């Protein structure tokens, strides 16, 4: 009988990693994140996005959480587009502080963020999943890698497929993860060309007209529009919108543009259970991207700074 060797990260990450060292870690994080979401439901989208932006740049190592620090010579990823609009840092910091109070120096910021993203999905009616744990935190940020590793809101379908493919994520994973846009809002500057462009044909006229009232050709860059009709609820309306040519961003609508992902979008628009299952599976898969394990990295005491 042949055996399949596991990647080192897969062998070392486990949902039960803290079962003995910090048995109350997950419940502590869930309580803290639930408190934050009760105060501001829009943080659900922010936390899932934060995990995505962390994992796609040098792996799931909490490098996105690091603040600029001249004393420790630490750079930051936060100030590099498209991270400028990322949010949710305070919620992660609060969850980390709560865990530190129970189990000092045990649970990494990378794991807190991964669990927070899962809890955000579940809180808004989306799927839950067993988060694999045991990641450690980076001791540096990677601002030079941000632009080449994150999608741009004007990317075409093949560019997105190639980007996700380099992370070991297939087209189905990509469409499922894009479905996180069922939550949250986007700023006017990210969809202005789509609603004011004279040669844009893949957008519903009424939808574009409504958006033009919110987002003028000049000014109002930070004005927000909902990603779908239920921006605080995890559902499949995002895919139903796309089928109707009501994708807010270009990168949303290209998923249903005559290419190989059309059938996946239609499937998710009709069978929300399939979307939920695939989203959970893709989040687990994304969580395996280049984690630091064993003695690599560190367990930061606070998420915004490396340990002295």
Protein backbone atom coordinates (compact mmCIF):
# COMPACT_ATOMS: atom_id res chain seq x y z
CA UNK A 1 0.00 0.00 0.00
CA UNK A 2 1.38 3.39 -0.97
CA UNK A 3 1.19 6.36 1.36
CA UNK A 4 0.84 10.00 0.48
CA UNK A 5 3.29 12.30 2.25
CA UNK A 6 1.71 15.32 3.86
CA UNK A 7 3.20 18.76 3.49
CA UNK A 8 4.97 19.81 6.69
CA UNK A 9 2.37 22.51 7.33
CA UNK A 10 -0.47 20.05 6.96
CA UNK A 11 1.24 17.59 9.29
CA UNK A 12 1.77 20.17 12.04
CA UNK A 13 -1.49 22.13 11.92
CA UNK A 14 -4.41 20.57 13.77
CA UNK A 15 -7.82 21.71 15.03
CA UNK A 16 -6.78 20.22 18.40
CA UNK A 17 -3.45 22.03 18.65
CA UNK A 18 -4.45 23.93 21.82
CA UNK A 19 -6.54 21.16 23.39
CA UNK A 20 -4.08 20.78 26.28
CA UNK A 21 -2.12 24.04 26.27
CA UNK A 22 -5.15 26.36 26.08
CA UNK A 23 -8.44 24.42 26.07
CA UNK A 24 -10.56 27.58 26.32
CA UNK A 25 -8.84 29.40 23.43
CA UNK A 26 -11.59 28.96 20.85
CA UNK A 27 -14.47 29.84 23.15
CA UNK A 28 -12.56 32.89 24.39
CA UNK A 29 -11.97 34.13 20.84
CA UNK A 30 -15.57 33.43 19.85
CA UNK A 31 -16.93 35.42 22.79
CA UNK A 32 -14.65 38.38 22.06
CA UNK A 33 -15.41 38.41 18.34
CA UNK A 34 -19.13 38.04 19.03
CA UNK A 35 -19.00 41.11 21.28
CA UNK A 36 -17.25 43.11 18.56
CA UNK A 37 -19.73 42.01 15.88
CA UNK A 38 -22.71 42.82 18.10
CA UNK A 39 -21.41 46.40 18.30
CA UNK A 40 -20.50 46.62 14.58
CA UNK A 41 -21.86 43.91 12.24
CA UNK A 42 -19.81 45.33 9.34
CA UNK A 43 -16.69 43.93 10.99
CA UNK A 44 -17.64 40.44 9.77
CA UNK A 45 -16.65 41.30 6.21
CA UNK A 46 -13.55 43.08 7.47
CA UNK A 47 -12.30 40.10 9.47
CA UNK A 48 -12.72 37.62 6.62
CA UNK A 49 -10.98 40.05 4.28
CA UNK A 50 -8.15 40.52 6.79
CA UNK A 51 -7.50 36.78 6.87
CA UNK A 52 -7.49 36.64 3.06
CA UNK A 53 -5.06 39.57 2.80
CA UNK A 54 -2.81 38.02 5.43
CA UNK A 55 -2.65 34.54 3.90
CA UNK A 56 -2.08 35.68 0.33
CA UNK A 57 0.99 37.72 1.26
CA UNK A 58 3.79 35.43 2.47
CA UNK A 59 1.37 32.99 4.07
CA UNK A 60 -0.92 32.98 7.12
CA UNK A 61 1.56 34.49 9.58
CA UNK A 62 -0.22 37.60 10.91
CA UNK A 63 2.28 39.81 9.09
CA UNK A 64 -0.57 42.13 8.05
CA UNK A 65 -1.20 42.97 11.72
CA UNK A 66 2.25 44.48 12.33
CA UNK A 67 2.50 48.21 12.84
CA UNK A 68 5.35 50.38 11.59
CA UNK A 69 7.99 50.52 14.33
CA UNK A 70 11.33 52.33 14.02
CA UNK A 71 12.50 50.95 17.36
CA UNK A 72 12.24 47.33 16.17
CA UNK A 73 12.91 48.18 12.51
CA UNK A 74 9.50 46.71 11.61
CA UNK A 75 7.78 47.78 8.39
CA UNK A 76 4.07 47.41 7.76
CA UNK A 77 1.78 46.03 5.07
CA UNK A 78 -1.14 48.16 6.22
CA UNK A 79 -0.22 51.27 4.23
CA UNK A 80 0.18 49.48 0.89
CA UNK A 81 -2.84 49.43 -1.47
CA UNK A 82 -5.13 47.52 -1.30
CA UNK A 83 -4.55 47.16 2.45
CA UNK A 84 -5.22 50.82 3.21
CA UNK A 85 -8.94 50.11 3.57
CA UNK A 86 -8.56 46.98 5.69
CA UNK A 87 -10.27 47.07 9.09
CA UNK A 88 -10.90 44.86 12.09
CA UNK A 89 -7.51 45.18 13.75
CA UNK A 90 -8.98 46.31 17.06
CA UNK A 91 -11.30 43.29 17.16
CA UNK A 92 -8.35 40.94 16.59
CA UNK A 93 -6.29 42.77 19.23
CA UNK A 94 -9.14 42.44 21.74
CA UNK A 95 -9.52 38.71 21.04
CA UNK A 96 -5.78 38.23 21.40
CA UNK A 97 -5.77 40.13 24.72
CA UNK A 98 -8.62 37.96 25.98
CA UNK A 99 -6.70 34.79 25.12
CA UNK A 100 -3.50 36.17 26.65
CA UNK A 101 -5.39 36.69 29.90
CA UNK A 102 -6.28 33.00 29.94
CA UNK A 103 -3.16 31.44 28.38
CA UNK A 104 -0.23 33.88 28.17
CA UNK A 105 2.19 33.33 25.31
CA UNK A 106 0.44 30.26 23.88
CA UNK A 107 -1.94 31.22 21.06
CA UNK A 108 -0.56 33.03 18.02
CA UNK A 109 -2.06 36.10 16.39
CA UNK A 110 -2.15 34.15 13.13
CA UNK A 111 -4.43 31.58 14.74
CA UNK A 112 -6.56 34.24 16.44
CA UNK A 113 -7.14 35.85 13.03
CA UNK A 114 -7.97 32.51 11.38
CA UNK A 115 -10.49 31.68 14.10
CA UNK A 116 -11.94 35.21 14.01
CA UNK A 117 -12.64 34.86 10.28
CA UNK A 118 -14.44 31.56 10.88
CA UNK A 119 -16.44 33.06 13.73
CA UNK A 120 -17.39 36.06 11.58
CA UNK A 121 -18.79 33.72 8.93
CA UNK A 122 -20.79 31.73 11.46
CA UNK A 123 -22.06 34.86 13.23
CA UNK A 124 -23.59 36.19 10.01
CA UNK A 125 -25.35 32.93 9.13
CA UNK A 126 -22.56 31.47 7.03
CA UNK A 127 -20.73 28.16 7.41
CA UNK A 128 -18.49 27.17 10.28
CA UNK A 129 -15.54 24.82 10.02
CA UNK A 130 -12.78 23.26 12.10
CA UNK A 131 -9.90 25.72 11.91
CA UNK A 132 -6.53 24.02 11.75
CA UNK A 133 -4.28 25.58 14.39
CA UNK A 134 -0.60 25.74 15.32
CA UNK A 135 0.57 28.66 13.19
CA UNK A 136 3.19 30.98 14.58
CA UNK A 137 3.65 34.69 13.95
CA UNK A 138 6.14 36.32 11.61
CA UNK A 139 8.81 38.65 12.93
CA UNK A 140 8.58 40.94 9.91
CA UNK A 141 6.09 42.32 7.42
CA UNK A 142 6.34 42.05 3.64
CA UNK A 143 5.07 45.30 2.11
CA UNK A 144 6.97 44.69 -1.14
CA UNK A 145 4.93 41.53 -1.75
CA UNK A 146 1.45 43.01 -1.29
CA UNK A 147 0.72 44.36 -4.77
CA UNK A 148 1.88 41.24 -6.60
CA UNK A 149 0.00 38.81 -4.39
CA UNK A 150 -3.43 40.38 -3.91
CA UNK A 151 -6.16 40.81 -6.55
CA UNK A 152 -6.76 44.25 -8.03
CA UNK A 153 -10.38 45.35 -8.46
CA UNK A 154 -9.84 45.77 -12.22
CA UNK A 155 -8.30 42.32 -12.83
CA UNK A 156 -9.74 40.15 -15.60
CA UNK A 157 -10.78 36.53 -15.11
CA UNK A 158 -7.57 34.90 -16.33
CA UNK A 159 -5.44 37.16 -14.13
CA UNK A 160 -7.51 36.11 -11.12
CA UNK A 161 -7.33 32.41 -12.05
CA UNK A 162 -3.56 32.66 -12.41
CA UNK A 163 -3.14 34.54 -9.11
CA UNK A 164 -5.19 32.02 -7.15
CA UNK A 165 -3.53 29.17 -9.01
CA UNK A 166 -0.12 30.29 -7.78
CA UNK A 167 -1.49 29.77 -4.26
CA UNK A 168 -2.64 26.25 -5.06
CA UNK A 169 -6.28 27.36 -5.25
CA UNK A 170 -8.35 26.32 -8.26
CA UNK A 171 -11.15 28.21 -10.04
CA UNK A 172 -13.79 26.68 -7.76
CA UNK A 173 -11.86 27.79 -4.68
CA UNK A 174 -11.53 31.25 -6.21
CA UNK A 175 -15.25 31.62 -6.89
CA UNK A 176 -16.14 30.33 -3.44
CA UNK A 177 -13.73 32.72 -1.71
CA UNK A 178 -15.00 35.59 -3.87
CA UNK A 179 -18.37 34.81 -2.36
CA UNK A 180 -17.13 36.47 0.83
CA UNK A 181 -18.32 39.59 -0.99
CA UNK A 182 -21.78 38.57 0.13
CA UNK A 183 -20.74 40.61 3.16
CA UNK A 184 -19.66 44.23 3.34
CA UNK A 185 -19.39 47.29 1.16
CA UNK A 186 -17.02 48.78 -1.39
CA UNK A 187 -15.82 52.33 -1.91
CA UNK A 188 -16.91 54.37 -4.92
CA UNK A 189 -13.45 54.57 -6.50
CA UNK A 190 -13.37 50.77 -6.87
CA UNK A 191 -16.45 50.63 -9.10
CA UNK A 192 -16.59 54.12 -10.67
CA UNK A 193 -15.20 53.02 -14.04
CA UNK A 194 -17.68 50.17 -14.15
CA UNK A 195 -20.76 52.42 -13.79
CA UNK A 196 -19.53 55.43 -15.77
CA UNK A 197 -17.60 53.67 -18.51
CA UNK A 198 -19.27 54.13 -21.88
CA UNK A 199 -18.20 50.74 -23.22
CA UNK A 200 -19.22 48.62 -20.21
CA UNK A 201 -21.81 46.08 -21.37
CA UNK A 202 -21.83 43.57 -18.51
CA UNK A 203 -23.87 45.64 -16.07
CA UNK A 204 -27.62 45.97 -15.60
CA UNK A 205 -28.77 49.45 -16.67
CA UNK A 206 -30.99 50.05 -13.66
CA UNK A 207 -28.31 48.84 -11.25
CA UNK A 208 -25.74 51.16 -12.84
CA UNK A 209 -28.16 54.08 -12.75
CA UNK A 210 -28.79 53.62 -9.04
CA UNK A 211 -25.08 53.46 -8.33
CA UNK A 212 -24.34 56.59 -10.37
CA UNK A 213 -26.53 58.56 -7.96
CA UNK A 214 -24.25 57.48 -5.13
CA UNK A 215 -20.94 57.58 -6.93
CA UNK A 216 -20.30 60.58 -9.24
CA UNK A 217 -17.61 60.75 -11.91
CA UNK A 218 -15.57 63.07 -9.68
CA UNK A 219 -15.41 63.11 -5.88
CA UNK A 220 -17.01 60.88 -3.30
CA UNK A 221 -14.25 58.31 -3.58
CA UNK A 222 -14.96 56.82 -0.16
CA UNK A 223 -18.76 56.67 -0.55
CA UNK A 224 -19.88 53.12 0.21
CA UNK A 225 -22.18 50.79 -1.71
CA UNK A 226 -23.31 47.36 -0.49
CA UNK A 227 -21.75 44.33 -2.16
CA UNK A 228 -25.22 42.74 -2.33
CA UNK A 229 -28.74 43.33 -1.02
CA UNK A 230 -27.95 41.81 2.39
CA UNK A 231 -24.47 43.10 3.26
CA UNK A 232 -24.57 41.90 6.88
CA UNK A 233 -25.86 38.42 6.09
CA UNK A 234 -23.84 35.55 4.67
CA UNK A 235 -25.99 34.13 1.85
CA UNK A 236 -25.87 33.48 -1.89
CA UNK A 237 -27.34 36.82 -3.02
CA UNK A 238 -23.89 37.79 -4.27
CA UNK A 239 -24.05 35.07 -6.92
CA UNK A 240 -27.68 35.77 -7.77
CA UNK A 241 -26.66 39.39 -8.39
CA UNK A 242 -23.81 38.41 -10.68
CA UNK A 243 -26.08 36.25 -12.82
CA UNK A 244 -28.28 39.36 -13.22
CA UNK A 245 -25.27 41.51 -14.20
CA UNK A 246 -25.37 43.28 -10.84
CA UNK A 247 -21.83 42.56 -9.69
CA UNK A 248 -20.48 45.66 -7.96
CA UNK A 249 -16.81 45.26 -8.85
CA UNK A 250 -15.34 44.22 -12.16
CA UNK A 251 -13.68 41.29 -10.37
CA UNK A 252 -17.13 40.18 -9.23
CA UNK A 253 -18.79 40.31 -12.65
CA UNK A 254 -15.93 38.65 -14.54
CA UNK A 255 -16.80 35.46 -12.68
CA UNK A 256 -19.91 35.34 -14.89
CA UNK A 257 -18.71 36.63 -18.23
CA UNK A 258 -18.77 33.70 -20.61
CA UNK A 259 -15.74 31.99 -19.07
CA UNK A 260 -15.07 28.73 -17.30
CA UNK A 261 -16.40 29.97 -13.94
CA UNK A 262 -19.93 30.72 -15.24
CA UNK A 263 -21.25 27.30 -14.31
CA UNK A 264 -19.92 27.59 -10.75
CA UNK A 265 -21.61 30.97 -10.28
CA UNK A 266 -24.93 29.58 -11.55
CA UNK A 267 -24.59 26.56 -9.25
CA UNK A 268 -23.98 28.72 -6.18
CA UNK A 269 -26.82 31.06 -7.15
CA UNK A 270 -29.21 28.10 -7.18
CA UNK A 271 -27.79 25.87 -4.42
CA UNK A 272 -26.56 27.92 -1.44
CA UNK A 273 -25.60 24.76 0.47
CA UNK A 274 -22.95 23.98 -2.17
CA UNK A 275 -21.53 27.48 -1.79
CA UNK A 276 -21.36 27.12 1.99
CA UNK A 277 -19.57 23.78 1.81
CA UNK A 278 -17.08 25.01 -0.78
CA UNK A 279 -16.44 28.29 1.03
CA UNK A 280 -15.55 26.45 4.23
CA UNK A 281 -13.29 24.04 2.32
CA UNK A 282 -11.55 26.91 0.50
CA UNK A 283 -10.99 28.82 3.76
CA UNK A 284 -9.35 25.72 5.26
CA UNK A 285 -7.22 25.33 2.16
CA UNK A 286 -6.22 28.99 2.23
CA UNK A 287 -5.33 28.64 5.90
CA UNK A 288 -2.63 26.13 4.92
CA UNK A 289 -0.69 28.73 2.93
CA UNK A 290 2.91 28.86 4.16
CA UNK A 291 2.31 28.82 7.92
CA UNK A 292 5.20 29.17 10.31
CA UNK A 293 5.28 26.12 12.58
CA UNK A 294 7.54 24.43 15.10
CA UNK A 295 10.23 26.85 16.21
CA UNK A 296 9.86 29.25 13.27
CA UNK A 297 8.63 32.76 14.00
CA UNK A 298 7.26 33.55 17.46
CA UNK A 299 4.08 33.88 19.49
CA UNK A 300 3.63 37.64 19.64
CA UNK A 301 2.42 39.06 22.94
CA UNK A 302 0.52 41.78 21.08
CA UNK A 303 -0.41 41.44 17.44
CA UNK A 304 0.87 44.81 16.25
CA UNK A 305 4.46 44.38 17.37
CA UNK A 306 7.18 41.74 17.44
CA UNK A 307 8.39 40.65 20.86
CA UNK A 308 11.42 42.51 22.19
